[in-house]
Amino acid sequence: MKINHLTAAEENFMKLFWKMESFYLKDVMEQHPEPKPHQNTVSTYLKILVEKGYLSTIKEGRIFKYTVLVPFEEYKKFLLKELSHNFFNDSGKEILEFLFNEKLISQDDLKGYFDLKIEIKPAVKVEEPKFEYAEEVLNPKKEKKGKTKDKDKDKKKKKKKD
């Protein structure tokens, strides 16, 4: 079943239709919250939703009975897949991280859902590696004074021999 995108207004009508499942135009007019739309507006949206494949019609005398064809769960699945594809690179992991970072889901929610011992830890700073050899080459150690005295003695001995 191919599911098409809905406008915000179509989606609002569908929310009401999903609750009713099967209905007549007069039922929509009764059930719609205030401010109620005009009957012609509702008829137009019913026609559009039939064309998009969300509703089916059965003619009963002079009136139509409408029935929902696309279950709410299927529409939610469609929307979530679209969201995942368009904004999260088809990655469930990215969606979960986003939900967690925005505090829309908690660790307790995850633990309860998966019934696992999950502990999400904040990112750990990795200690930068030490490049000892590079340090030696770039910053050679200065010789201690004691070693320079020995070299000075060696130099003096050489001079005396000459």
N, C-alpha and C. Protein backbone atom coordinates (compact mmCIF):
# COMPACT_ATOMS: atom_id res chain seq x y z
N MET A 1 0.85 -1.18 0.00
CA MET A 1 0.00 0.00 0.00
C MET A 1 0.89 1.24 0.00
N LYS A 2 0.70 2.09 -1.00
CA LYS A 2 1.46 3.33 -1.12
C LYS A 2 0.78 4.40 -0.28
N ILE A 3 1.54 4.99 0.61
CA ILE A 3 1.01 6.06 1.45
C ILE A 3 1.52 7.38 0.93
N ASN A 4 0.63 8.34 0.77
CA ASN A 4 0.97 9.67 0.29
C ASN A 4 1.06 10.65 1.46
N HIS A 5 1.78 11.73 1.21
CA HIS A 5 1.90 12.78 2.23
C HIS A 5 0.58 13.48 2.43
N LEU A 6 0.35 13.94 3.66
CA LEU A 6 -0.84 14.70 3.98
C LEU A 6 -0.45 16.13 4.34
N THR A 7 -1.33 17.07 4.02
CA THR A 7 -1.12 18.44 4.51
C THR A 7 -1.51 18.47 5.98
N ALA A 8 -1.21 19.56 6.65
CA ALA A 8 -1.54 19.68 8.07
C ALA A 8 -3.06 19.58 8.28
N ALA A 9 -3.83 20.23 7.42
CA ALA A 9 -5.30 20.19 7.55
C ALA A 9 -5.82 18.78 7.31
N GLU A 10 -5.29 18.10 6.28
CA GLU A 10 -5.72 16.72 6.00
C GLU A 10 -5.38 15.81 7.18
N GLU A 11 -4.20 16.02 7.75
CA GLU A 11 -3.79 15.20 8.89
C GLU A 11 -4.71 15.44 10.09
N ASN A 12 -5.11 16.69 10.32
CA ASN A 12 -6.03 16.98 11.43
C ASN A 12 -7.37 16.28 11.24
N PHE A 13 -7.89 16.28 10.00
CA PHE A 13 -9.13 15.56 9.74
C PHE A 13 -8.93 14.06 9.95
N MET A 14 -7.80 13.54 9.49
CA MET A 14 -7.54 12.11 9.62
C MET A 14 -7.48 11.68 11.09
N LYS A 15 -6.96 12.55 11.95
CA LYS A 15 -6.91 12.21 13.38
C LYS A 15 -8.32 11.93 13.90
N LEU A 16 -9.27 12.75 13.46
CA LEU A 16 -10.66 12.53 13.84
C LEU A 16 -11.20 11.26 13.19
N PHE A 17 -10.88 11.05 11.91
CA PHE A 17 -11.38 9.88 11.18
C PHE A 17 -10.83 8.58 11.75
N TRP A 18 -9.57 8.59 12.19
CA TRP A 18 -8.99 7.37 12.77
C TRP A 18 -9.75 6.98 14.04
N LYS A 19 -10.22 7.96 14.79
CA LYS A 19 -10.99 7.66 16.01
C LYS A 19 -12.34 7.05 15.64
N MET A 20 -12.96 7.54 14.56
CA MET A 20 -14.29 7.09 14.18
C MET A 20 -14.27 5.82 13.33
N GLU A 21 -13.22 5.60 12.56
CA GLU A 21 -13.02 4.45 11.67
C GLU A 21 -14.01 4.37 10.51
N SER A 22 -15.30 4.43 10.78
CA SER A 22 -16.31 4.39 9.73
C SER A 22 -17.38 5.43 10.10
N PHE A 23 -17.80 6.27 9.11
CA PHE A 23 -18.63 7.42 9.46
C PHE A 23 -19.33 8.00 8.24
N TYR A 24 -20.27 8.88 8.52
CA TYR A 24 -20.96 9.67 7.50
C TYR A 24 -20.54 11.13 7.68
N LEU A 25 -20.83 11.95 6.69
CA LEU A 25 -20.51 13.37 6.76
C LEU A 25 -21.13 14.01 8.00
N LYS A 26 -22.38 13.67 8.31
CA LYS A 26 -23.04 14.25 9.49
C LYS A 26 -22.31 13.88 10.78
N ASP A 27 -21.70 12.67 10.83
CA ASP A 27 -20.93 12.26 12.02
C ASP A 27 -19.71 13.14 12.20
N VAL A 28 -19.07 13.48 11.10
CA VAL A 28 -17.89 14.35 11.15
C VAL A 28 -18.29 15.71 11.69
N MET A 29 -19.42 16.23 11.19
CA MET A 29 -19.88 17.55 11.63
C MET A 29 -20.21 17.54 13.12
N GLU A 30 -20.73 16.46 13.62
CA GLU A 30 -21.06 16.35 15.05
C GLU A 30 -19.81 16.19 15.91
N GLN A 31 -18.88 15.39 15.44
CA GLN A 31 -17.70 15.05 16.25
C GLN A 31 -16.58 16.09 16.20
N HIS A 32 -16.55 16.92 15.14
CA HIS A 32 -15.46 17.89 14.98
C HIS A 32 -15.54 18.92 16.09
N PRO A 33 -14.39 19.20 16.74
CA PRO A 33 -14.39 20.20 17.82
C PRO A 33 -14.63 21.62 17.27
N GLU A 34 -14.99 22.51 18.16
CA GLU A 34 -15.18 23.93 17.79
C GLU A 34 -13.84 24.55 17.47
N PRO A 35 -13.72 25.48 16.58
CA PRO A 35 -14.76 25.93 15.66
C PRO A 35 -14.96 24.90 14.55
N LYS A 36 -16.20 24.58 14.30
CA LYS A 36 -16.54 23.57 13.29
C LYS A 36 -16.36 24.16 11.88
N PRO A 37 -15.75 23.38 10.98
CA PRO A 37 -15.61 23.87 9.60
C PRO A 37 -16.96 23.80 8.88
N HIS A 38 -17.05 24.49 7.77
CA HIS A 38 -18.27 24.44 6.96
C HIS A 38 -18.38 23.05 6.35
N GLN A 39 -19.62 22.63 6.13
CA GLN A 39 -19.87 21.29 5.57
C GLN A 39 -19.21 21.11 4.21
N ASN A 40 -19.18 22.16 3.38
CA ASN A 40 -18.53 22.07 2.07
C ASN A 40 -17.03 21.83 2.21
N THR A 41 -16.41 22.45 3.23
CA THR A 41 -14.98 22.26 3.49
C THR A 41 -14.70 20.80 3.85
N VAL A 42 -15.53 20.26 4.73
CA VAL A 42 -15.36 18.86 5.14
C VAL A 42 -15.55 17.95 3.93
N SER A 43 -16.55 18.23 3.10
CA SER A 43 -16.80 17.41 1.90
C SER A 43 -15.59 17.43 0.97
N THR A 44 -14.99 18.60 0.82
CA THR A 44 -13.82 18.73 -0.05
C THR A 44 -12.66 17.88 0.49
N TYR A 45 -12.41 17.94 1.80
CA TYR A 45 -11.32 17.14 2.38
C TYR A 45 -11.62 15.65 2.30
N LEU A 46 -12.88 15.27 2.47
CA LEU A 46 -13.24 13.86 2.33
C LEU A 46 -12.92 13.37 0.92
N LYS A 47 -13.27 14.19 -0.08
CA LYS A 47 -13.00 13.83 -1.48
C LYS A 47 -11.49 13.68 -1.71
N ILE A 48 -10.70 14.63 -1.19
CA ILE A 48 -9.24 14.59 -1.36
C ILE A 48 -8.66 13.33 -0.71
N LEU A 49 -9.13 13.02 0.50
CA LEU A 49 -8.60 11.85 1.23
C LEU A 49 -9.01 10.54 0.57
N VAL A 50 -10.14 10.53 -0.11
CA VAL A 50 -10.53 9.35 -0.89
C VAL A 50 -9.57 9.21 -2.07
N GLU A 51 -9.29 10.33 -2.75
CA GLU A 51 -8.37 10.31 -3.90
C GLU A 51 -6.96 9.89 -3.50
N LYS A 52 -6.53 10.30 -2.31
CA LYS A 52 -5.19 9.93 -1.84
C LYS A 52 -5.12 8.51 -1.30
N GLY A 53 -6.27 7.85 -1.19
CA GLY A 53 -6.28 6.45 -0.75
C GLY A 53 -6.37 6.26 0.76
N TYR A 54 -6.68 7.30 1.50
CA TYR A 54 -6.81 7.18 2.94
C TYR A 54 -8.20 6.72 3.37
N LEU A 55 -9.20 7.03 2.54
CA LEU A 55 -10.59 6.67 2.85
C LEU A 55 -11.20 5.94 1.66
N SER A 56 -12.19 5.12 1.94
CA SER A 56 -12.98 4.52 0.88
C SER A 56 -14.43 4.95 1.09
N THR A 57 -15.23 4.86 0.04
CA THR A 57 -16.63 5.26 0.15
C THR A 57 -17.54 4.13 -0.30
N ILE A 58 -18.70 4.08 0.31
CA ILE A 58 -19.77 3.18 -0.10
C ILE A 58 -21.02 4.04 -0.17
N LYS A 59 -21.69 4.02 -1.30
CA LYS A 59 -22.90 4.83 -1.46
C LYS A 59 -24.08 4.08 -0.84
N GLU A 60 -24.74 4.75 0.06
CA GLU A 60 -25.93 4.19 0.72
C GLU A 60 -27.09 5.14 0.44
N GLY A 61 -27.83 4.85 -0.58
CA GLY A 61 -28.91 5.74 -0.99
C GLY A 61 -28.32 7.00 -1.59
N ARG A 62 -28.62 8.14 -0.99
CA ARG A 62 -28.11 9.41 -1.52
C ARG A 62 -26.86 9.89 -0.77
N ILE A 63 -26.41 9.17 0.25
CA ILE A 63 -25.26 9.62 1.03
C ILE A 63 -24.13 8.57 0.95
N PHE A 64 -22.93 9.04 1.34
CA PHE A 64 -21.77 8.15 1.33
C PHE A 64 -21.38 7.80 2.75
N LYS A 65 -20.95 6.55 2.91
CA LYS A 65 -20.36 6.12 4.16
C LYS A 65 -18.86 5.99 3.90
N TYR A 66 -18.06 6.61 4.76
CA TYR A 66 -16.61 6.62 4.61
C TYR A 66 -15.99 5.64 5.59
N THR A 67 -14.92 4.99 5.13
CA THR A 67 -14.18 4.05 5.98
C THR A 67 -12.69 4.32 5.82
N VAL A 68 -11.99 4.29 6.92
CA VAL A 68 -10.54 4.53 6.91
C VAL A 68 -9.84 3.31 6.31
N LEU A 69 -8.97 3.57 5.34
CA LEU A 69 -8.20 2.49 4.70
C LEU A 69 -6.78 2.38 5.26
N VAL A 70 -6.17 3.52 5.60
CA VAL A 70 -4.79 3.52 6.11
C VAL A 70 -4.84 3.62 7.63
N PRO A 71 -4.46 2.55 8.32
CA PRO A 71 -4.48 2.60 9.79
C PRO A 71 -3.48 3.64 10.32
N PHE A 72 -3.80 4.16 11.49
CA PHE A 72 -2.96 5.17 12.13
C PHE A 72 -1.53 4.66 12.32
N GLU A 73 -1.38 3.41 12.70
CA GLU A 73 -0.05 2.83 12.93
C GLU A 73 0.78 2.83 11.63
N GLU A 74 0.12 2.56 10.52
CA GLU A 74 0.83 2.57 9.23
C GLU A 74 1.28 3.97 8.87
N TYR A 75 0.43 4.95 9.15
CA TYR A 75 0.78 6.34 8.86
C TYR A 75 1.95 6.78 9.75
N LYS A 76 1.94 6.41 11.03
CA LYS A 76 3.06 6.73 11.92
C LYS A 76 4.35 6.11 11.42
N LYS A 77 4.27 4.87 10.97
CA LYS A 77 5.45 4.18 10.44
C LYS A 77 5.99 4.91 9.22
N PHE A 78 5.07 5.31 8.33
CA PHE A 78 5.44 6.06 7.12
C PHE A 78 6.15 7.36 7.50
N LEU A 79 5.57 8.11 8.44
CA LEU A 79 6.17 9.39 8.85
C LEU A 79 7.54 9.19 9.48
N LEU A 80 7.68 8.19 10.32
CA LEU A 80 8.96 7.95 10.99
C LEU A 80 10.03 7.54 9.99
N LYS A 81 9.67 6.74 9.01
CA LYS A 81 10.64 6.35 7.98
C LYS A 81 11.05 7.56 7.15
N GLU A 82 10.09 8.42 6.83
CA GLU A 82 10.40 9.65 6.08
C GLU A 82 11.34 10.54 6.89
N LEU A 83 11.03 10.70 8.16
CA LEU A 83 11.85 11.52 9.06
C LEU A 83 13.27 10.94 9.15
N SER A 84 13.35 9.65 9.33
CA SER A 84 14.64 8.98 9.42
C SER A 84 15.45 9.18 8.15
N HIS A 85 14.80 9.01 7.02
CA HIS A 85 15.49 9.13 5.73
C HIS A 85 15.94 10.57 5.46
N ASN A 86 15.06 11.52 5.71
CA ASN A 86 15.33 12.92 5.35
C ASN A 86 16.21 13.67 6.35
N PHE A 87 16.22 13.26 7.62
CA PHE A 87 16.94 14.04 8.63
C PHE A 87 17.97 13.26 9.43
N PHE A 88 17.95 11.93 9.38
CA PHE A 88 18.85 11.15 10.22
C PHE A 88 19.62 10.09 9.44
N ASN A 89 19.77 10.26 8.15
CA ASN A 89 20.57 9.35 7.31
C ASN A 89 20.15 7.88 7.48
N ASP A 90 18.87 7.65 7.64
CA ASP A 90 18.33 6.29 7.82
C ASP A 90 18.96 5.57 9.00
N SER A 91 19.34 6.33 10.03
CA SER A 91 20.02 5.75 11.19
C SER A 91 19.14 5.81 12.44
N GLY A 92 18.74 4.65 12.89
CA GLY A 92 17.98 4.58 14.14
C GLY A 92 18.81 5.07 15.31
N LYS A 93 20.11 4.83 15.24
CA LYS A 93 21.01 5.27 16.30
C LYS A 93 20.99 6.80 16.42
N GLU A 94 21.03 7.48 15.26
CA GLU A 94 21.00 8.95 15.30
C GLU A 94 19.67 9.46 15.86
N ILE A 95 18.58 8.79 15.53
CA ILE A 95 17.27 9.18 16.06
C ILE A 95 17.26 9.02 17.57
N LEU A 96 17.75 7.88 18.04
CA LEU A 96 17.77 7.60 19.48
C LEU A 96 18.65 8.61 20.21
N GLU A 97 19.81 8.92 19.66
CA GLU A 97 20.69 9.91 20.29
C GLU A 97 20.02 11.27 20.35
N PHE A 98 19.32 11.64 19.27
CA PHE A 98 18.61 12.92 19.23
C PHE A 98 17.53 12.95 20.30
N LEU A 99 16.74 11.89 20.38
CA LEU A 99 15.67 11.83 21.38
C LEU A 99 16.24 11.91 22.80
N PHE A 100 17.36 11.24 23.01
CA PHE A 100 17.98 11.25 24.33
C PHE A 100 18.55 12.63 24.65
N ASN A 101 19.25 13.23 23.70
CA ASN A 101 19.85 14.56 23.92
C ASN A 101 18.80 15.64 24.14
N GLU A 102 17.66 15.50 23.48
CA GLU A 102 16.58 16.49 23.63
C GLU A 102 15.68 16.17 24.83
N LYS A 103 16.08 15.16 25.59
CA LYS A 103 15.33 14.73 26.77
C LYS A 103 13.89 14.32 26.45
N LEU A 104 13.70 13.75 25.26
CA LEU A 104 12.40 13.23 24.87
C LEU A 104 12.27 11.76 25.25
N ILE A 105 13.41 11.17 25.62
CA ILE A 105 13.44 9.79 26.10
C ILE A 105 14.53 9.73 27.16
N SER A 106 14.32 8.92 28.18
CA SER A 106 15.29 8.84 29.28
C SER A 106 15.96 7.47 29.32
N GLN A 107 16.98 7.38 30.15
CA GLN A 107 17.64 6.08 30.33
C GLN A 107 16.65 5.06 30.88
N ASP A 108 15.79 5.51 31.80
CA ASP A 108 14.79 4.59 32.37
C ASP A 108 13.84 4.08 31.30
N ASP A 109 13.46 4.98 30.35
CA ASP A 109 12.60 4.55 29.25
C ASP A 109 13.28 3.44 28.46
N LEU A 110 14.56 3.64 28.17
CA LEU A 110 15.31 2.65 27.39
C LEU A 110 15.44 1.34 28.16
N LYS A 111 15.77 1.46 29.43
CA LYS A 111 15.94 0.25 30.24
C LYS A 111 14.63 -0.53 30.30
N GLY A 112 13.54 0.19 30.51
CA GLY A 112 12.24 -0.46 30.61
C GLY A 112 11.81 -1.10 29.30
N TYR A 113 12.12 -0.45 28.20
CA TYR A 113 11.69 -0.97 26.91
C TYR A 113 12.49 -2.20 26.51
N PHE A 114 13.79 -2.13 26.64
CA PHE A 114 14.64 -3.23 26.21
C PHE A 114 14.86 -4.28 27.29
N ASP A 115 14.51 -3.92 28.55
CA ASP A 115 14.72 -4.81 29.68
C ASP A 115 16.17 -5.28 29.75
N LEU A 116 17.07 -4.35 29.48
CA LEU A 116 18.49 -4.62 29.53
C LEU A 116 19.15 -3.65 30.49
N LYS A 117 20.35 -3.97 30.87
CA LYS A 117 21.10 -3.05 31.70
C LYS A 117 21.89 -2.12 30.78
N ILE A 118 21.26 -1.02 30.43
CA ILE A 118 21.87 -0.06 29.52
C ILE A 118 22.27 1.16 30.34
N GLU A 119 23.50 1.57 30.18
CA GLU A 119 23.94 2.78 30.85
C GLU A 119 24.59 3.66 29.81
N ILE A 120 23.97 4.80 29.58
CA ILE A 120 24.51 5.74 28.61
C ILE A 120 25.42 6.69 29.36
N LYS A 121 26.67 6.69 28.96
CA LYS A 121 27.65 7.53 29.63
C LYS A 121 27.98 8.72 28.74
N PRO A 122 28.27 9.85 29.35
CA PRO A 122 28.69 10.99 28.53
C PRO A 122 30.02 10.68 27.85
N ALA A 123 30.27 11.37 26.77
CA ALA A 123 31.50 11.14 26.01
C ALA A 123 32.72 11.33 26.91
N VAL A 124 33.65 10.39 26.84
CA VAL A 124 34.87 10.44 27.65
C VAL A 124 35.96 11.12 26.85
N LYS A 125 36.65 12.05 27.48
CA LYS A 125 37.77 12.71 26.80
C LYS A 125 38.94 11.75 26.73
N VAL A 126 39.45 11.58 25.56
CA VAL A 126 40.59 10.68 25.34
C VAL A 126 41.86 11.48 25.56
N GLU A 127 42.75 10.91 26.37
CA GLU A 127 44.01 11.58 26.65
C GLU A 127 44.88 11.55 25.40
N GLU A 128 45.46 12.69 25.09
CA GLU A 128 46.30 12.76 23.91
C GLU A 128 47.55 11.91 24.10
N PRO A 129 47.97 11.18 23.04
CA PRO A 129 49.15 10.34 23.17
C PRO A 129 50.41 11.21 23.34
N LYS A 130 51.37 10.64 24.06
CA LYS A 130 52.65 11.35 24.27
C LYS A 130 53.64 10.83 23.24
N PHE A 131 54.28 11.75 22.58
CA PHE A 131 55.26 11.39 21.58
C PHE A 131 56.64 11.65 22.17
N GLU A 132 57.14 10.67 22.93
CA GLU A 132 58.40 10.85 23.65
C GLU A 132 59.58 11.02 22.70
N TYR A 133 59.64 10.21 21.66
CA TYR A 133 60.76 10.30 20.74
C TYR A 133 60.75 11.64 20.03
N ALA A 134 59.58 12.08 19.61
CA ALA A 134 59.47 13.37 18.93
C ALA A 134 59.88 14.49 19.87
N GLU A 135 59.53 14.38 21.14
CA GLU A 135 59.92 15.40 22.12
C GLU A 135 61.44 15.46 22.25
N GLU A 136 62.09 14.28 22.27
CA GLU A 136 63.55 14.24 22.37
C GLU A 136 64.21 14.93 21.19
N VAL A 137 63.68 14.66 20.00
CA VAL A 137 64.27 15.23 18.80
C VAL A 137 64.02 16.73 18.72
N LEU A 138 62.79 17.12 19.01
CA LEU A 138 62.42 18.53 18.88
C LEU A 138 62.94 19.38 20.04
N ASN A 139 63.01 18.80 21.22
CA ASN A 139 63.46 19.54 22.40
C ASN A 139 64.52 18.72 23.14
N PRO A 140 65.74 18.69 22.63
CA PRO A 140 66.76 17.86 23.29
C PRO A 140 67.04 18.40 24.71
N LYS A 141 67.36 17.45 25.59
CA LYS A 141 67.65 17.83 26.98
C LYS A 141 69.02 18.49 27.04
N LYS A 142 69.11 19.50 27.88
CA LYS A 142 70.41 20.15 28.07
C LYS A 142 71.21 19.31 29.05
N GLU A 143 72.51 19.26 28.78
CA GLU A 143 73.36 18.43 29.65
C GLU A 143 73.51 19.08 31.00
N LYS A 144 73.67 18.23 32.01
CA LYS A 144 73.85 18.75 33.37
C LYS A 144 75.24 19.32 33.54
N LYS A 145 75.39 20.17 34.52
CA LYS A 145 76.68 20.85 34.76
C LYS A 145 77.79 19.87 35.07
N GLY A 146 77.49 18.80 35.75
CA GLY A 146 78.51 17.82 36.10
C GLY A 146 79.15 17.21 34.87
N LYS A 147 78.39 16.96 33.84
CA LYS A 147 78.91 16.36 32.62
C LYS A 147 79.77 17.35 31.86
N THR A 148 79.42 18.62 31.90
CA THR A 148 80.21 19.62 31.18
C THR A 148 81.59 19.77 31.81
N LYS A 149 81.70 19.61 33.13
CA LYS A 149 83.00 19.70 33.80
C LYS A 149 83.93 18.61 33.31
N ASP A 150 83.40 17.39 33.15
CA ASP A 150 84.21 16.29 32.66
C ASP A 150 84.71 16.57 31.26
N LYS A 151 83.85 17.14 30.44
CA LYS A 151 84.26 17.45 29.08
C LYS A 151 85.33 18.54 29.08
N ASP A 152 85.15 19.53 29.99
CA ASP A 152 86.14 20.60 30.10
C ASP A 152 87.50 20.02 30.50
N LYS A 153 87.52 19.04 31.41
CA LYS A 153 88.76 18.42 31.84
C LYS A 153 89.42 17.70 30.67
N ASP A 154 88.59 16.98 29.88
CA ASP A 154 89.11 16.27 28.71
C ASP A 154 89.74 17.25 27.73
N LYS A 155 89.10 18.39 27.53
CA LYS A 155 89.62 19.39 26.60
C LYS A 155 90.95 19.94 27.11
N LYS A 156 91.04 20.18 28.42
CA LYS A 156 92.28 20.71 29.00
C LYS A 156 93.41 19.71 28.84
N LYS A 157 93.14 18.42 29.03
CA LYS A 157 94.14 17.39 28.88
C LYS A 157 94.66 17.34 27.47
N LYS A 158 93.75 17.47 26.50
CA LYS A 158 94.14 17.45 25.10
C LYS A 158 95.04 18.64 24.78
N LYS A 159 94.73 19.79 25.35
CA LYS A 159 95.51 20.99 25.08
C LYS A 159 96.93 20.84 25.66
N LYS A 160 97.01 20.23 26.83
CA LYS A 160 98.32 20.06 27.45
C LYS A 160 99.19 19.12 26.63
N LYS A 161 98.60 18.09 26.08
CA LYS A 161 99.32 17.15 25.25
C LYS A 161 99.85 17.80 23.99
N ASP A 162 99.11 18.74 23.49
CA ASP A 162 99.51 19.41 22.25
C ASP A 162 100.59 20.35 22.56
